[in-house]
Amino acid sequence: MNIYDIAAEAGVSISTVSRVLNNRGRVKKETQEKIEAVLRKYDYQPSAVARGLVTKSMRTIGILTVDIRVMHYANTTFILEQELSHLGYNVMVCNTGGLMSENLRYLRMMVEKQVDGLVLVGSVFEEIAWSAEGMEYLRHMPVVIANGSLALENVYSVLVDDPLGTALSVRHLVQKGHKDIFYVQDMDTHSAQRKAEGFQKAMRECGLPTENRVLRCRYGLEEGLAFAQELRERNFSALVFGEDLTAIGVMKGLQRAGVRIPEDTAIVGFNDSAYARICTPELTSIDNKYQLVGEYSVKLLTGLLEGSGTEADIVIRPVLVERGSS
């Protein structure tokens, strides 16, 4: 049974049935009850596609993330999906891997699927601004980027103040008496670069040297373990990291070499992930409030779609959570 059959049996027009199904426009009480009785009789379930053709909206949101295996991206994406589903939106989650070609492929797919809006999770998507093709795709819909920014009229940001996070790490360590502090950058993203800049700025403000104080390492537990061997050739009293998992890998590697944490070396991570609480000692880390990032991203995007929100960028201030590693 379709909407035409419903209208014929209820003795009303198709447009009247449509108003009842979509709860739009005024319908007389007795007419509505008559239509609802027919709907119940046949256990009618309206087609989402047909409804979308009428309302010009499929109530579908696309989420593009870089690597769902990374806990920070996974946590943020989970909050986004749960909040949007609770509000009645269908959600499509895509894992791009971070390559520009894959970013563009998934963006093109979102445009072809005619999603109502899009959330980009991670500063890696700022690279889309370098591509005319990517910017053209983004112009088709409202977009929110979680912890990033793009200079497009219809793109809004929920941005964590990453430089403040690493600055808090430096100040915390200086208060503990540390001077030989290094920053370990383990990702090649705009967020990672902003963290490095925040570290260097805080070091200068504290009267500490910045030259050759930013080290490069690959992201991950095993990569951190291997990098710990290289660090043994350097003199340092404290390390600041851009990600918890790499910090824990380095910490384990140093401990295996007999380095005491925090007596010999203090370590501060970033993201305040679950990893920070399952290592020994527990990891001091920067809480970048992924829950708020997800919630505000949803509020911003749905407000744009429903005309009930403010068109503005949002900046979230992280906080330092002190534990045993520092």
Protein backbone atom coordinates (compact mmCIF):
# COMPACT_ATOMS: atom_id res chain seq x y z
CA MET A 1 0.00 0.00 0.00
CA ASN A 2 1.22 3.47 -0.89
CA ILE A 3 0.17 7.04 -0.15
CA TYR A 4 -2.27 7.01 -3.08
CA ASP A 5 -4.09 3.98 -1.67
CA ILE A 6 -4.24 5.59 1.78
CA ALA A 7 -5.73 8.77 0.32
CA ALA A 8 -8.32 6.81 -1.71
CA GLU A 9 -9.53 4.74 1.26
CA ALA A 10 -9.66 7.74 3.58
CA GLY A 11 -11.46 9.80 0.94
CA VAL A 12 -8.97 12.67 1.08
CA SER A 13 -6.31 14.18 -1.15
CA ILE A 14 -2.74 12.95 -1.36
CA SER A 15 -1.48 16.29 -0.02
CA THR A 16 -3.65 15.90 3.10
CA VAL A 17 -2.17 12.45 3.80
CA SER A 18 1.29 13.93 3.27
CA ARG A 19 0.60 16.68 5.84
CA VAL A 20 -0.43 14.08 8.40
CA LEU A 21 2.57 11.84 7.71
CA ASN A 22 5.04 14.72 7.96
CA ASN A 23 3.18 16.61 10.69
CA ARG A 24 3.17 19.73 8.54
CA GLY A 25 0.26 22.10 8.03
CA ARG A 26 -3.21 22.14 9.52
CA VAL A 27 -5.59 19.20 9.15
CA LYS A 28 -9.04 18.92 10.71
CA LYS A 29 -9.10 16.65 13.74
CA GLU A 30 -11.71 14.28 12.31
CA THR A 31 -9.82 14.09 8.98
CA GLN A 32 -6.55 13.33 10.76
CA GLU A 33 -8.22 10.60 12.84
CA LYS A 34 -9.68 9.04 9.70
CA ILE A 35 -6.27 8.96 8.00
CA GLU A 36 -4.55 7.59 11.11
CA ALA A 37 -7.15 4.82 11.34
CA VAL A 38 -6.31 3.71 7.79
CA LEU A 39 -2.59 3.88 8.56
CA ARG A 40 -3.07 1.66 11.61
CA LYS A 41 -5.29 -0.74 9.70
CA TYR A 42 -2.57 -1.51 7.17
CA ASP A 43 0.38 -0.95 9.53
CA TYR A 44 1.65 1.61 7.04
CA GLN A 45 5.34 2.60 7.29
CA PRO A 46 6.17 5.65 5.18
CA SER A 47 9.17 5.40 2.87
CA ALA A 48 12.12 7.51 4.03
CA VAL A 49 13.00 8.13 0.38
CA ALA A 50 9.49 9.31 -0.45
CA ARG A 51 9.44 11.54 2.61
CA GLY A 52 12.82 12.96 1.60
CA LEU A 53 11.48 13.84 -1.83
CA VAL A 54 8.65 15.77 -0.21
CA THR A 55 10.67 17.53 2.47
CA LYS A 56 13.86 17.85 0.37
CA SER A 57 15.74 16.32 3.31
CA MET A 58 16.77 12.75 4.10
CA ARG A 59 17.78 13.81 7.63
CA THR A 60 21.17 12.24 6.98
CA ILE A 61 24.48 13.51 8.32
CA GLY A 62 27.87 12.41 7.06
CA ILE A 63 30.84 12.04 9.43
CA LEU A 64 34.32 11.84 7.95
CA THR A 65 37.13 10.77 10.27
CA VAL A 66 40.76 9.96 9.61
CA ASP A 67 41.45 6.69 11.43
CA ILE A 68 38.74 5.18 13.61
CA ARG A 69 41.41 3.09 15.37
CA VAL A 70 42.83 6.22 17.01
CA MET A 71 41.02 6.52 20.34
CA HIS A 72 40.61 10.30 20.17
CA TYR A 73 38.92 10.13 16.75
CA ALA A 74 36.86 7.13 17.83
CA ASN A 75 35.60 8.85 21.00
CA THR A 76 34.64 12.04 19.16
CA THR A 77 32.92 10.10 16.37
CA PHE A 78 30.99 8.00 18.91
CA ILE A 79 29.62 11.13 20.62
CA LEU A 80 28.65 12.63 17.26
CA GLU A 81 26.84 9.47 16.12
CA GLN A 82 24.98 9.03 19.40
CA GLU A 83 23.87 12.65 19.66
CA LEU A 84 22.73 12.85 16.04
CA SER A 85 20.86 9.53 16.23
CA HIS A 86 19.11 10.71 19.38
CA LEU A 87 17.90 13.74 17.43
CA GLY A 88 16.46 11.52 14.71
CA TYR A 89 19.19 11.86 12.09
CA ASN A 90 20.60 9.00 10.06
CA VAL A 91 24.39 8.91 10.26
CA MET A 92 26.98 7.77 7.72
CA VAL A 93 30.49 7.32 9.17
CA CYS A 94 33.44 7.11 6.77
CA ASN A 95 37.05 6.31 7.63
CA THR A 96 39.25 8.10 5.05
CA GLY A 97 42.74 7.09 6.19
CA GLY A 98 43.82 10.72 5.83
CA LEU A 99 44.97 10.60 2.21
CA MET A 100 43.83 13.58 0.13
CA SER A 101 42.58 11.29 -2.65
CA GLU A 102 40.42 9.36 -0.17
CA ASN A 103 39.18 12.55 1.50
CA LEU A 104 38.00 13.79 -1.88
CA ARG A 105 36.45 10.44 -2.82
CA TYR A 106 34.36 10.36 0.35
CA LEU A 107 33.41 14.02 0.01
CA ARG A 108 32.19 13.36 -3.52
CA MET A 109 30.17 10.41 -2.23
CA MET A 110 28.55 12.60 0.45
CA VAL A 111 27.51 15.13 -2.19
CA GLU A 112 26.10 12.36 -4.40
CA LYS A 113 24.18 10.92 -1.43
CA GLN A 114 22.78 14.42 -0.82
CA VAL A 115 23.50 14.39 2.90
CA ASP A 116 21.99 17.33 4.77
CA GLY A 117 25.21 18.22 6.58
CA LEU A 118 28.74 17.05 7.26
CA VAL A 119 31.08 16.79 10.24
CA LEU A 120 34.82 16.49 9.62
CA VAL A 121 36.72 15.01 12.57
CA GLY A 122 40.34 16.13 12.78
CA SER A 123 42.57 18.97 11.65
CA VAL A 124 43.89 16.82 8.78
CA PHE A 125 40.81 17.91 6.83
CA GLU A 126 42.18 21.46 6.78
CA GLU A 127 44.24 20.26 3.81
CA ILE A 128 41.03 20.23 1.78
CA ALA A 129 41.39 24.01 1.63
CA TRP A 130 44.41 23.47 -0.63
CA SER A 131 42.22 21.68 -3.16
CA ALA A 132 39.75 23.48 -5.42
CA GLU A 133 37.90 20.18 -5.88
CA GLY A 134 37.48 19.66 -2.14
CA MET A 135 36.29 23.21 -1.54
CA GLU A 136 33.74 22.85 -4.33
CA TYR A 137 32.29 19.71 -2.71
CA LEU A 138 32.02 21.45 0.67
CA ARG A 139 29.99 24.33 -0.74
CA HIS A 140 27.00 22.01 -1.23
CA MET A 141 26.08 21.66 2.47
CA PRO A 142 26.59 23.04 5.98
CA VAL A 143 29.85 21.70 7.43
CA VAL A 144 31.32 21.60 10.94
CA ILE A 145 34.95 20.65 11.46
CA ALA A 146 35.80 19.22 14.87
CA ASN A 147 39.17 20.58 16.02
CA GLY A 148 40.07 22.31 12.79
CA SER A 149 39.16 25.30 10.65
CA LEU A 150 38.46 26.05 7.00
CA ALA A 151 38.05 29.47 5.41
CA LEU A 152 34.70 28.81 3.72
CA GLU A 153 31.43 30.63 4.35
CA ASN A 154 29.42 27.51 5.15
CA VAL A 155 32.10 25.79 7.29
CA TYR A 156 32.16 26.29 11.06
CA SER A 157 34.61 25.09 13.69
CA VAL A 158 34.61 23.58 17.15
CA LEU A 159 38.28 24.11 17.91
CA VAL A 160 40.29 22.92 20.90
CA ASP A 161 42.93 25.44 21.99
CA ASP A 162 45.80 23.00 21.37
CA PRO A 163 48.59 25.58 21.95
CA LEU A 164 47.14 26.28 25.38
CA GLY A 165 47.26 22.55 26.14
CA THR A 166 50.99 22.21 25.52
CA ALA A 167 51.59 25.53 27.27
CA LEU A 168 49.84 24.13 30.35
CA SER A 169 52.16 21.11 30.16
CA VAL A 170 55.28 23.30 30.09
CA ARG A 171 54.12 25.50 32.97
CA HIS A 172 53.24 22.43 35.03
CA LEU A 173 56.70 20.95 34.49
CA VAL A 174 58.48 24.24 35.20
CA GLN A 175 56.59 24.49 38.49
CA LYS A 176 57.94 21.02 39.27
CA GLY A 177 61.47 22.35 38.75
CA HIS A 178 62.16 21.05 35.25
CA LYS A 179 64.24 22.99 32.71
CA ASP A 180 65.47 20.41 30.20
CA ILE A 181 62.09 19.90 28.54
CA PHE A 182 61.47 18.53 25.03
CA TYR A 183 58.31 18.21 22.92
CA VAL A 184 57.74 15.00 20.93
CA GLN A 185 55.59 15.55 17.81
CA ASP A 186 54.22 12.27 16.50
CA MET A 187 51.69 13.37 13.88
CA ASP A 188 51.95 15.56 10.80
CA THR A 189 48.71 17.51 11.20
CA HIS A 190 47.80 21.15 11.79
CA SER A 191 46.75 20.24 15.32
CA ALA A 192 50.18 18.69 15.99
CA GLN A 193 51.88 21.78 14.61
CA ARG A 194 49.78 24.06 16.78
CA LYS A 195 50.74 21.98 19.82
CA ALA A 196 54.43 22.40 18.94
CA GLU A 197 53.97 26.14 18.56
CA GLY A 198 52.25 26.34 21.95
CA PHE A 199 55.13 24.41 23.51
CA GLN A 200 57.76 26.72 22.04
CA LYS A 201 55.89 29.86 23.03
CA ALA A 202 55.52 28.66 26.62
CA MET A 203 59.20 27.72 26.78
CA ARG A 204 60.18 31.24 25.69
CA GLU A 205 57.83 32.79 28.22
CA CYS A 206 59.46 30.67 30.94
CA GLY A 207 62.95 31.78 29.83
CA LEU A 208 63.87 28.32 28.54
CA PRO A 209 65.63 27.44 25.26
CA THR A 210 63.56 26.38 22.25
CA GLU A 211 66.21 25.51 19.68
CA ASN A 212 66.15 21.81 18.75
CA ARG A 213 63.58 21.13 21.48
CA VAL A 214 60.93 19.68 19.13
CA LEU A 215 61.61 16.04 18.30
CA ARG A 216 59.88 13.90 15.67
CA CYS A 217 58.53 10.40 16.23
CA ARG A 218 55.93 8.22 14.54
CA TYR A 219 52.58 7.78 16.30
CA GLY A 220 51.84 4.64 18.30
CA LEU A 221 52.84 2.40 21.17
CA GLU A 222 55.49 0.39 19.32
CA GLU A 223 56.87 3.51 17.68
CA GLY A 224 57.17 5.12 21.11
CA LEU A 225 58.99 2.08 22.47
CA ALA A 226 61.51 2.27 19.62
CA PHE A 227 61.94 6.03 19.97
CA ALA A 228 62.84 5.61 23.63
CA GLN A 229 66.14 4.10 22.48
CA GLU A 230 66.99 7.27 20.54
CA LEU A 231 66.06 9.45 23.51
CA ARG A 232 68.65 7.74 25.71
CA GLU A 233 71.33 9.69 23.81
CA ARG A 234 69.84 13.02 24.93
CA ASN A 235 69.88 14.86 28.23
CA PHE A 236 66.39 15.78 29.38
CA SER A 237 64.36 15.91 32.57
CA ALA A 238 60.85 16.04 31.10
CA LEU A 239 58.96 15.22 27.89
CA VAL A 240 55.74 16.71 26.52
CA PHE A 241 53.76 14.69 23.96
CA GLY A 242 50.99 15.44 21.51
CA GLU A 243 49.30 12.05 21.99
CA ASP A 244 48.91 9.72 25.00
CA LEU A 245 49.62 6.44 23.24
CA THR A 246 53.05 7.50 21.98
CA ALA A 247 53.86 8.97 25.39
CA ILE A 248 53.10 5.63 27.04
CA GLY A 249 55.25 3.77 24.49
CA VAL A 250 58.20 6.04 25.28
CA MET A 251 57.55 5.75 29.01
CA LYS A 252 57.60 1.95 28.83
CA GLY A 253 60.78 2.01 26.75
CA LEU A 254 62.53 4.29 29.23
CA GLN A 255 61.40 2.16 32.17
CA ARG A 256 62.82 -0.96 30.53
CA ALA A 257 66.13 0.89 30.34
CA GLY A 258 66.00 1.60 34.09
CA VAL A 259 64.70 5.18 33.94
CA ARG A 260 62.38 6.00 36.83
CA ILE A 261 59.15 7.88 36.09
CA PRO A 262 58.76 10.61 37.34
CA GLU A 263 61.92 10.68 39.51
CA ASP A 264 64.36 10.69 36.56
CA THR A 265 62.04 11.86 33.79
CA ALA A 266 58.58 13.44 33.95
CA ILE A 267 56.12 12.78 31.11
CA VAL A 268 52.95 14.61 30.05
CA GLY A 269 50.61 13.29 27.36
CA PHE A 270 47.69 14.81 25.44
CA ASN A 271 44.01 13.76 25.04
CA ASP A 272 43.47 12.31 28.54
CA SER A 273 42.44 9.02 26.96
CA ALA A 274 41.70 5.76 28.76
CA TYR A 275 45.31 4.80 28.01
CA ALA A 276 46.44 7.44 30.51
CA ARG A 277 44.80 5.54 33.37
CA ILE A 278 45.95 2.00 32.61
CA CYS A 279 49.73 2.54 32.60
CA THR A 280 52.08 2.64 35.59
CA PRO A 281 52.45 5.26 36.78
CA GLU A 282 49.26 6.80 35.46
CA LEU A 283 49.91 9.46 32.85
CA THR A 284 49.53 13.19 33.44
CA SER A 285 47.66 14.38 30.35
CA ILE A 286 45.80 17.27 28.75
CA ASP A 287 42.04 16.81 28.73
CA ASN A 288 40.93 18.24 25.38
CA LYS A 289 37.28 17.56 26.21
CA TYR A 290 36.26 15.39 23.28
CA GLN A 291 32.77 15.06 24.79
CA LEU A 292 32.22 18.81 24.49
CA VAL A 293 33.75 18.85 21.01
CA GLY A 294 31.23 16.24 19.86
CA GLU A 295 28.24 17.82 21.60
CA TYR A 296 28.98 21.35 20.39
CA SER A 297 29.61 20.10 16.86
CA VAL A 298 26.14 18.52 16.84
CA LYS A 299 24.47 21.62 18.29
CA LEU A 300 26.20 23.85 15.77
CA LEU A 301 25.36 21.70 12.76
CA THR A 302 21.74 20.94 13.68
CA GLY A 303 21.22 24.59 14.54
CA LEU A 304 22.38 25.51 11.04
CA LEU A 305 20.13 22.89 9.46
CA GLU A 306 17.06 23.78 11.48
CA GLY A 307 17.60 27.53 11.59
CA SER A 308 17.70 27.60 15.38
CA GLY A 309 21.42 28.06 16.04
CA THR A 310 24.07 30.73 15.91
CA GLU A 311 26.52 30.83 13.01
CA ALA A 312 29.75 31.01 14.99
CA ASP A 313 32.99 29.19 15.65
CA ILE A 314 33.52 27.70 19.12
CA VAL A 315 36.83 27.43 20.99
CA ILE A 316 37.22 24.95 23.87
CA ARG A 317 39.87 25.39 26.56
CA PRO A 318 41.68 22.19 27.59
CA VAL A 319 42.81 21.46 31.16
CA LEU A 320 45.74 19.54 32.63
CA VAL A 321 44.97 16.39 34.63
CA GLU A 322 47.87 15.65 36.94
CA ARG A 323 48.76 12.02 37.69
CA GLY A 324 51.80 10.03 38.71
CA SER A 325 54.01 10.48 35.60
CA SER A 326 54.91 14.06 36.51
